[in-house]
């Protein structure tokens, strides 16, 4: 069973930065796609960024040029660097691993990001 634990959320002003971390209990980066999702109050959970097992990255249009995704394989940790934050980035951010070999998607517990003016 893979466990994902996010950290790094908090409150920041518009234009500020935060770096989220997601530590996996196992090394899964070679077999699982890693994603960051977010869910604002009353809205659906949406994909923010993803990185494939080959290192290919994808981003939602709303965060392109502001967010970056990376991995530290030695630390089994996924990161989401968020710069030039906007009020509309306020949400709970979830780390997720999609492991096609097992046919499973794992989720972290989420971390709150609040951006204020």
N, C-alpha and C. Protein backbone atom coordinates (compact mmCIF):
# COMPACT_ATOMS: atom_id res chain seq x y z
N UNK A 1 0.84 -1.19 0.00
CA UNK A 1 0.00 0.00 0.00
C UNK A 1 0.88 1.25 0.00
N UNK A 2 0.66 2.09 -0.96
CA UNK A 2 1.44 3.32 -1.07
C UNK A 2 0.78 4.41 -0.23
N UNK A 3 1.57 5.09 0.56
CA UNK A 3 1.07 6.23 1.32
C UNK A 3 1.75 7.50 0.82
N UNK A 4 0.94 8.52 0.63
CA UNK A 4 1.43 9.81 0.16
C UNK A 4 1.13 10.87 1.21
N UNK A 5 2.13 11.63 1.58
CA UNK A 5 1.94 12.65 2.62
C UNK A 5 2.39 14.00 2.08
N UNK A 6 1.43 14.92 1.98
CA UNK A 6 1.75 16.27 1.49
C UNK A 6 2.14 17.18 2.65
N UNK A 7 2.90 18.19 2.30
CA UNK A 7 3.25 19.24 3.25
C UNK A 7 3.59 20.50 2.47
N UNK A 8 3.68 21.61 3.19
CA UNK A 8 4.11 22.86 2.57
C UNK A 8 3.01 23.85 2.29
N UNK A 9 1.77 23.47 2.55
CA UNK A 9 0.68 24.42 2.33
C UNK A 9 0.71 25.53 3.36
N UNK A 10 -0.12 26.53 3.13
CA UNK A 10 -0.18 27.65 4.06
C UNK A 10 -0.89 28.83 3.46
N UNK A 11 -0.71 29.97 4.10
CA UNK A 11 -1.33 31.21 3.64
C UNK A 11 -0.26 32.13 3.07
N UNK A 12 -0.58 32.76 1.96
CA UNK A 12 0.37 33.64 1.28
C UNK A 12 -0.41 34.75 0.59
N UNK A 13 0.25 35.86 0.38
CA UNK A 13 -0.39 36.96 -0.32
C UNK A 13 -0.26 36.80 -1.83
N UNK A 14 -1.14 37.49 -2.53
CA UNK A 14 -1.09 37.48 -4.00
C UNK A 14 0.32 37.85 -4.46
N UNK A 15 0.81 37.06 -5.42
CA UNK A 15 2.15 37.26 -5.94
C UNK A 15 3.23 36.48 -5.22
N UNK A 16 2.86 35.86 -4.12
CA UNK A 16 3.83 35.09 -3.35
C UNK A 16 4.07 33.71 -3.91
N UNK A 17 4.88 32.95 -3.18
CA UNK A 17 5.27 31.60 -3.62
C UNK A 17 5.11 30.60 -2.49
N UNK A 18 4.86 29.38 -2.87
CA UNK A 18 4.85 28.24 -1.94
C UNK A 18 5.41 27.03 -2.68
N UNK A 19 6.01 26.12 -1.91
CA UNK A 19 6.50 24.88 -2.49
C UNK A 19 5.87 23.73 -1.71
N UNK A 20 5.07 22.94 -2.39
CA UNK A 20 4.45 21.77 -1.79
C UNK A 20 5.33 20.56 -1.98
N UNK A 21 5.29 19.68 -0.99
CA UNK A 21 6.03 18.42 -1.06
C UNK A 21 5.07 17.27 -0.87
N UNK A 22 5.41 16.15 -1.48
CA UNK A 22 4.62 14.93 -1.34
C UNK A 22 5.60 13.77 -1.21
N UNK A 23 5.67 13.20 -0.03
CA UNK A 23 6.59 12.10 0.20
C UNK A 23 5.84 10.78 0.09
N UNK A 24 6.41 9.90 -0.70
CA UNK A 24 5.83 8.57 -0.88
C UNK A 24 6.50 7.58 0.07
N UNK A 25 5.71 6.60 0.55
CA UNK A 25 6.24 5.58 1.46
C UNK A 25 7.08 4.56 0.72
N UNK A 26 6.96 4.54 -0.62
CA UNK A 26 7.73 3.61 -1.44
C UNK A 26 8.28 4.35 -2.66
N UNK A 27 9.30 3.78 -3.26
CA UNK A 27 9.79 4.34 -4.52
C UNK A 27 8.86 3.90 -5.64
N UNK A 28 8.14 4.86 -6.22
CA UNK A 28 7.14 4.53 -7.24
C UNK A 28 7.30 5.35 -8.51
N UNK A 29 8.29 6.23 -8.53
CA UNK A 29 8.40 7.16 -9.66
C UNK A 29 8.68 6.45 -10.98
N UNK A 30 9.25 5.26 -10.94
CA UNK A 30 9.55 4.56 -12.19
C UNK A 30 8.35 3.80 -12.72
N UNK A 31 7.32 3.65 -11.93
CA UNK A 31 6.16 2.86 -12.34
C UNK A 31 4.84 3.62 -12.26
N UNK A 32 4.85 4.79 -11.66
CA UNK A 32 3.61 5.54 -11.47
C UNK A 32 3.74 6.97 -11.96
N UNK A 33 2.67 7.43 -12.59
CA UNK A 33 2.58 8.86 -12.94
C UNK A 33 2.22 9.61 -11.67
N UNK A 34 2.87 10.73 -11.46
CA UNK A 34 2.64 11.52 -10.26
C UNK A 34 1.93 12.82 -10.65
N UNK A 35 0.91 13.15 -9.91
CA UNK A 35 0.10 14.32 -10.24
C UNK A 35 -0.19 15.17 -9.00
N UNK A 36 -0.46 16.43 -9.27
CA UNK A 36 -1.01 17.32 -8.26
C UNK A 36 -2.40 17.74 -8.74
N UNK A 37 -3.37 17.58 -7.86
CA UNK A 37 -4.73 18.05 -8.11
C UNK A 37 -5.05 19.13 -7.08
N UNK A 38 -6.11 19.87 -7.34
CA UNK A 38 -6.59 20.82 -6.34
C UNK A 38 -8.11 20.87 -6.39
N UNK A 39 -8.67 21.22 -5.23
CA UNK A 39 -10.12 21.30 -5.12
C UNK A 39 -10.48 22.52 -4.28
N UNK A 40 -11.16 23.44 -4.93
CA UNK A 40 -11.65 24.63 -4.24
C UNK A 40 -13.04 24.33 -3.68
N UNK A 41 -13.46 25.07 -2.66
CA UNK A 41 -14.78 24.84 -2.06
C UNK A 41 -15.90 24.88 -3.10
N UNK A 42 -16.72 23.84 -3.12
CA UNK A 42 -17.85 23.80 -4.03
C UNK A 42 -17.51 23.46 -5.46
N UNK A 43 -16.24 23.11 -5.71
CA UNK A 43 -15.82 22.80 -7.07
C UNK A 43 -15.26 21.39 -7.15
N UNK A 44 -15.11 20.92 -8.37
CA UNK A 44 -14.56 19.59 -8.59
C UNK A 44 -13.05 19.60 -8.39
N UNK A 45 -12.52 18.42 -8.18
CA UNK A 45 -11.07 18.26 -8.07
C UNK A 45 -10.48 18.27 -9.47
N UNK A 46 -9.55 19.15 -9.72
CA UNK A 46 -8.97 19.33 -11.05
C UNK A 46 -7.48 19.04 -11.06
N UNK A 47 -7.01 18.53 -12.17
CA UNK A 47 -5.58 18.28 -12.35
C UNK A 47 -4.85 19.62 -12.51
N UNK A 48 -3.79 19.79 -11.75
CA UNK A 48 -2.96 20.99 -11.82
C UNK A 48 -1.69 20.73 -12.62
N UNK A 49 -1.03 19.64 -12.30
CA UNK A 49 0.24 19.32 -12.96
C UNK A 49 0.50 17.84 -12.82
N UNK A 50 1.25 17.30 -13.77
CA UNK A 50 1.59 15.89 -13.71
C UNK A 50 2.97 15.65 -14.28
N UNK A 51 3.58 14.55 -13.87
CA UNK A 51 4.87 14.16 -14.42
C UNK A 51 4.84 12.65 -14.64
N UNK A 52 5.19 12.26 -15.86
CA UNK A 52 5.13 10.85 -16.22
C UNK A 52 6.37 10.12 -15.71
N UNK A 53 6.36 8.81 -15.89
CA UNK A 53 7.52 8.00 -15.48
C UNK A 53 8.76 8.35 -16.29
N UNK A 54 8.56 8.98 -17.45
CA UNK A 54 9.69 9.39 -18.29
C UNK A 54 10.10 10.83 -18.04
N UNK A 55 9.37 11.49 -17.12
CA UNK A 55 9.73 12.86 -16.80
C UNK A 55 9.01 13.91 -17.61
N UNK A 56 8.07 13.48 -18.43
CA UNK A 56 7.28 14.44 -19.21
C UNK A 56 6.29 15.15 -18.29
N UNK A 57 6.25 16.46 -18.40
CA UNK A 57 5.38 17.23 -17.51
C UNK A 57 4.19 17.83 -18.26
N UNK A 58 3.10 17.97 -17.55
CA UNK A 58 1.91 18.63 -18.10
C UNK A 58 1.36 19.59 -17.04
N UNK A 59 0.73 20.65 -17.51
CA UNK A 59 0.18 21.65 -16.61
C UNK A 59 -1.18 22.11 -17.10
N UNK A 60 -2.04 22.44 -16.16
CA UNK A 60 -3.29 23.09 -16.50
C UNK A 60 -2.98 24.46 -17.08
N UNK A 61 -3.80 24.90 -18.00
CA UNK A 61 -3.56 26.20 -18.63
C UNK A 61 -3.48 27.33 -17.60
N UNK A 62 -4.26 27.20 -16.55
CA UNK A 62 -4.35 28.27 -15.55
C UNK A 62 -3.07 28.45 -14.75
N UNK A 63 -2.17 27.46 -14.79
CA UNK A 63 -0.96 27.56 -13.98
C UNK A 63 0.32 27.55 -14.81
N UNK A 64 0.17 27.40 -16.12
CA UNK A 64 1.36 27.38 -16.98
C UNK A 64 2.18 28.65 -16.82
N UNK A 65 3.48 28.46 -16.69
CA UNK A 65 4.37 29.61 -16.52
C UNK A 65 4.52 30.06 -15.08
N UNK A 66 3.69 29.56 -14.18
CA UNK A 66 3.74 29.94 -12.77
C UNK A 66 4.11 28.77 -11.86
N UNK A 67 3.69 27.57 -12.22
CA UNK A 67 3.93 26.39 -11.41
C UNK A 67 4.94 25.48 -12.11
N UNK A 68 5.70 24.75 -11.32
CA UNK A 68 6.58 23.73 -11.87
C UNK A 68 6.49 22.49 -10.99
N UNK A 69 6.72 21.33 -11.61
CA UNK A 69 6.64 20.05 -10.90
C UNK A 69 7.98 19.36 -11.04
N UNK A 70 8.41 18.71 -9.96
CA UNK A 70 9.70 18.03 -9.99
C UNK A 70 9.69 16.88 -9.00
N UNK A 71 10.72 16.04 -9.12
CA UNK A 71 10.85 14.87 -8.25
C UNK A 71 12.28 14.78 -7.72
N UNK A 72 12.39 14.32 -6.50
CA UNK A 72 13.68 13.93 -5.94
C UNK A 72 13.60 12.42 -5.72
N UNK A 73 14.21 11.68 -6.62
CA UNK A 73 14.10 10.22 -6.56
C UNK A 73 14.75 9.64 -5.30
N UNK A 74 15.81 10.24 -4.86
CA UNK A 74 16.51 9.74 -3.68
C UNK A 74 15.65 9.89 -2.42
N UNK A 75 14.78 10.91 -2.42
CA UNK A 75 13.94 11.17 -1.26
C UNK A 75 12.50 10.69 -1.44
N UNK A 76 12.21 10.05 -2.57
CA UNK A 76 10.83 9.61 -2.87
C UNK A 76 9.84 10.76 -2.71
N UNK A 77 10.22 11.93 -3.14
CA UNK A 77 9.42 13.12 -2.91
C UNK A 77 9.11 13.85 -4.20
N UNK A 78 7.88 14.23 -4.33
CA UNK A 78 7.36 15.02 -5.44
C UNK A 78 7.15 16.44 -4.95
N UNK A 79 7.43 17.40 -5.81
CA UNK A 79 7.29 18.80 -5.43
C UNK A 79 6.38 19.55 -6.41
N UNK A 80 5.77 20.61 -5.90
CA UNK A 80 5.06 21.56 -6.74
C UNK A 80 5.48 22.95 -6.31
N UNK A 81 6.26 23.60 -7.15
CA UNK A 81 6.69 24.97 -6.90
C UNK A 81 5.64 25.90 -7.50
N UNK A 82 5.09 26.75 -6.65
CA UNK A 82 4.02 27.65 -7.09
C UNK A 82 4.48 29.09 -6.91
N UNK A 83 4.59 29.80 -8.01
CA UNK A 83 5.03 31.20 -7.99
C UNK A 83 3.92 32.10 -8.50
N UNK A 84 4.03 33.38 -8.20
CA UNK A 84 3.05 34.38 -8.65
C UNK A 84 1.63 33.91 -8.37
N UNK A 85 1.41 33.51 -7.13
CA UNK A 85 0.12 32.95 -6.76
C UNK A 85 -1.00 33.96 -6.87
N UNK A 86 -2.16 33.46 -7.26
CA UNK A 86 -3.35 34.28 -7.42
C UNK A 86 -4.43 33.82 -6.43
N UNK A 87 -5.40 34.66 -6.19
CA UNK A 87 -6.47 34.31 -5.26
C UNK A 87 -7.17 33.03 -5.72
N UNK A 88 -7.31 32.89 -7.03
CA UNK A 88 -8.01 31.71 -7.57
C UNK A 88 -7.20 30.42 -7.43
N UNK A 89 -5.98 30.50 -6.95
CA UNK A 89 -5.20 29.29 -6.66
C UNK A 89 -5.56 28.72 -5.29
N UNK A 90 -6.38 29.43 -4.53
CA UNK A 90 -6.79 28.94 -3.21
C UNK A 90 -7.57 27.63 -3.35
N UNK A 91 -7.10 26.60 -2.66
CA UNK A 91 -7.71 25.28 -2.75
C UNK A 91 -6.98 24.33 -1.82
N UNK A 92 -7.54 23.15 -1.69
CA UNK A 92 -6.81 22.04 -1.08
C UNK A 92 -6.08 21.32 -2.20
N UNK A 93 -4.79 21.14 -2.02
CA UNK A 93 -3.95 20.50 -3.03
C UNK A 93 -3.67 19.06 -2.63
N UNK A 94 -3.88 18.16 -3.59
CA UNK A 94 -3.71 16.73 -3.34
C UNK A 94 -2.61 16.17 -4.23
N UNK A 95 -1.79 15.36 -3.64
CA UNK A 95 -0.81 14.57 -4.39
C UNK A 95 -1.48 13.25 -4.78
N UNK A 96 -1.18 12.77 -5.97
CA UNK A 96 -1.78 11.53 -6.43
C UNK A 96 -0.79 10.74 -7.26
N UNK A 97 -0.89 9.43 -7.14
CA UNK A 97 -0.05 8.53 -7.93
C UNK A 97 -0.95 7.58 -8.69
N UNK A 98 -0.79 7.59 -10.02
CA UNK A 98 -1.52 6.62 -10.84
C UNK A 98 -0.56 5.54 -11.28
N UNK A 99 -0.84 4.31 -10.83
CA UNK A 99 0.05 3.19 -11.08
C UNK A 99 -0.66 2.20 -11.97
N UNK A 100 -0.45 2.26 -13.27
CA UNK A 100 -1.20 1.42 -14.20
C UNK A 100 -0.93 -0.08 -14.02
N UNK A 101 0.24 -0.43 -13.58
CA UNK A 101 0.54 -1.85 -13.37
C UNK A 101 -0.36 -2.48 -12.33
N UNK A 102 -0.67 -1.72 -11.31
CA UNK A 102 -1.56 -2.19 -10.25
C UNK A 102 -3.00 -1.80 -10.52
N UNK A 103 -3.20 -0.93 -11.49
CA UNK A 103 -4.55 -0.46 -11.78
C UNK A 103 -5.13 0.38 -10.66
N UNK A 104 -4.26 1.11 -9.96
CA UNK A 104 -4.72 1.86 -8.80
C UNK A 104 -4.27 3.31 -8.87
N UNK A 105 -5.04 4.18 -8.26
CA UNK A 105 -4.64 5.57 -8.03
C UNK A 105 -4.65 5.81 -6.53
N UNK A 106 -3.55 6.33 -6.05
CA UNK A 106 -3.41 6.64 -4.63
C UNK A 106 -3.52 8.14 -4.42
N UNK A 107 -4.02 8.52 -3.24
CA UNK A 107 -4.19 9.94 -2.91
C UNK A 107 -3.55 10.26 -1.56
N UNK A 108 -3.03 11.47 -1.45
CA UNK A 108 -2.62 11.99 -0.16
C UNK A 108 -3.82 12.61 0.54
N UNK A 109 -3.57 13.14 1.73
CA UNK A 109 -4.67 13.68 2.52
C UNK A 109 -5.00 15.13 2.16
N UNK A 110 -4.10 15.77 1.42
CA UNK A 110 -4.34 17.14 0.99
C UNK A 110 -3.69 18.16 1.90
N UNK A 111 -3.36 19.29 1.31
CA UNK A 111 -2.80 20.40 2.08
C UNK A 111 -3.43 21.69 1.59
N UNK A 112 -3.82 22.54 2.52
CA UNK A 112 -4.55 23.77 2.19
C UNK A 112 -3.60 24.87 1.74
N UNK A 113 -3.95 25.51 0.64
CA UNK A 113 -3.25 26.69 0.16
C UNK A 113 -4.26 27.83 0.09
N UNK A 114 -3.96 28.92 0.78
CA UNK A 114 -4.84 30.07 0.80
C UNK A 114 -4.07 31.30 0.33
N UNK A 115 -4.59 31.93 -0.71
CA UNK A 115 -3.96 33.14 -1.26
C UNK A 115 -4.89 34.32 -1.01
N UNK A 116 -4.36 35.35 -0.39
CA UNK A 116 -5.19 36.51 -0.05
C UNK A 116 -4.57 37.80 -0.58
N UNK A 117 -5.41 38.80 -0.70
CA UNK A 117 -4.92 40.09 -1.22
C UNK A 117 -4.43 40.98 -0.09
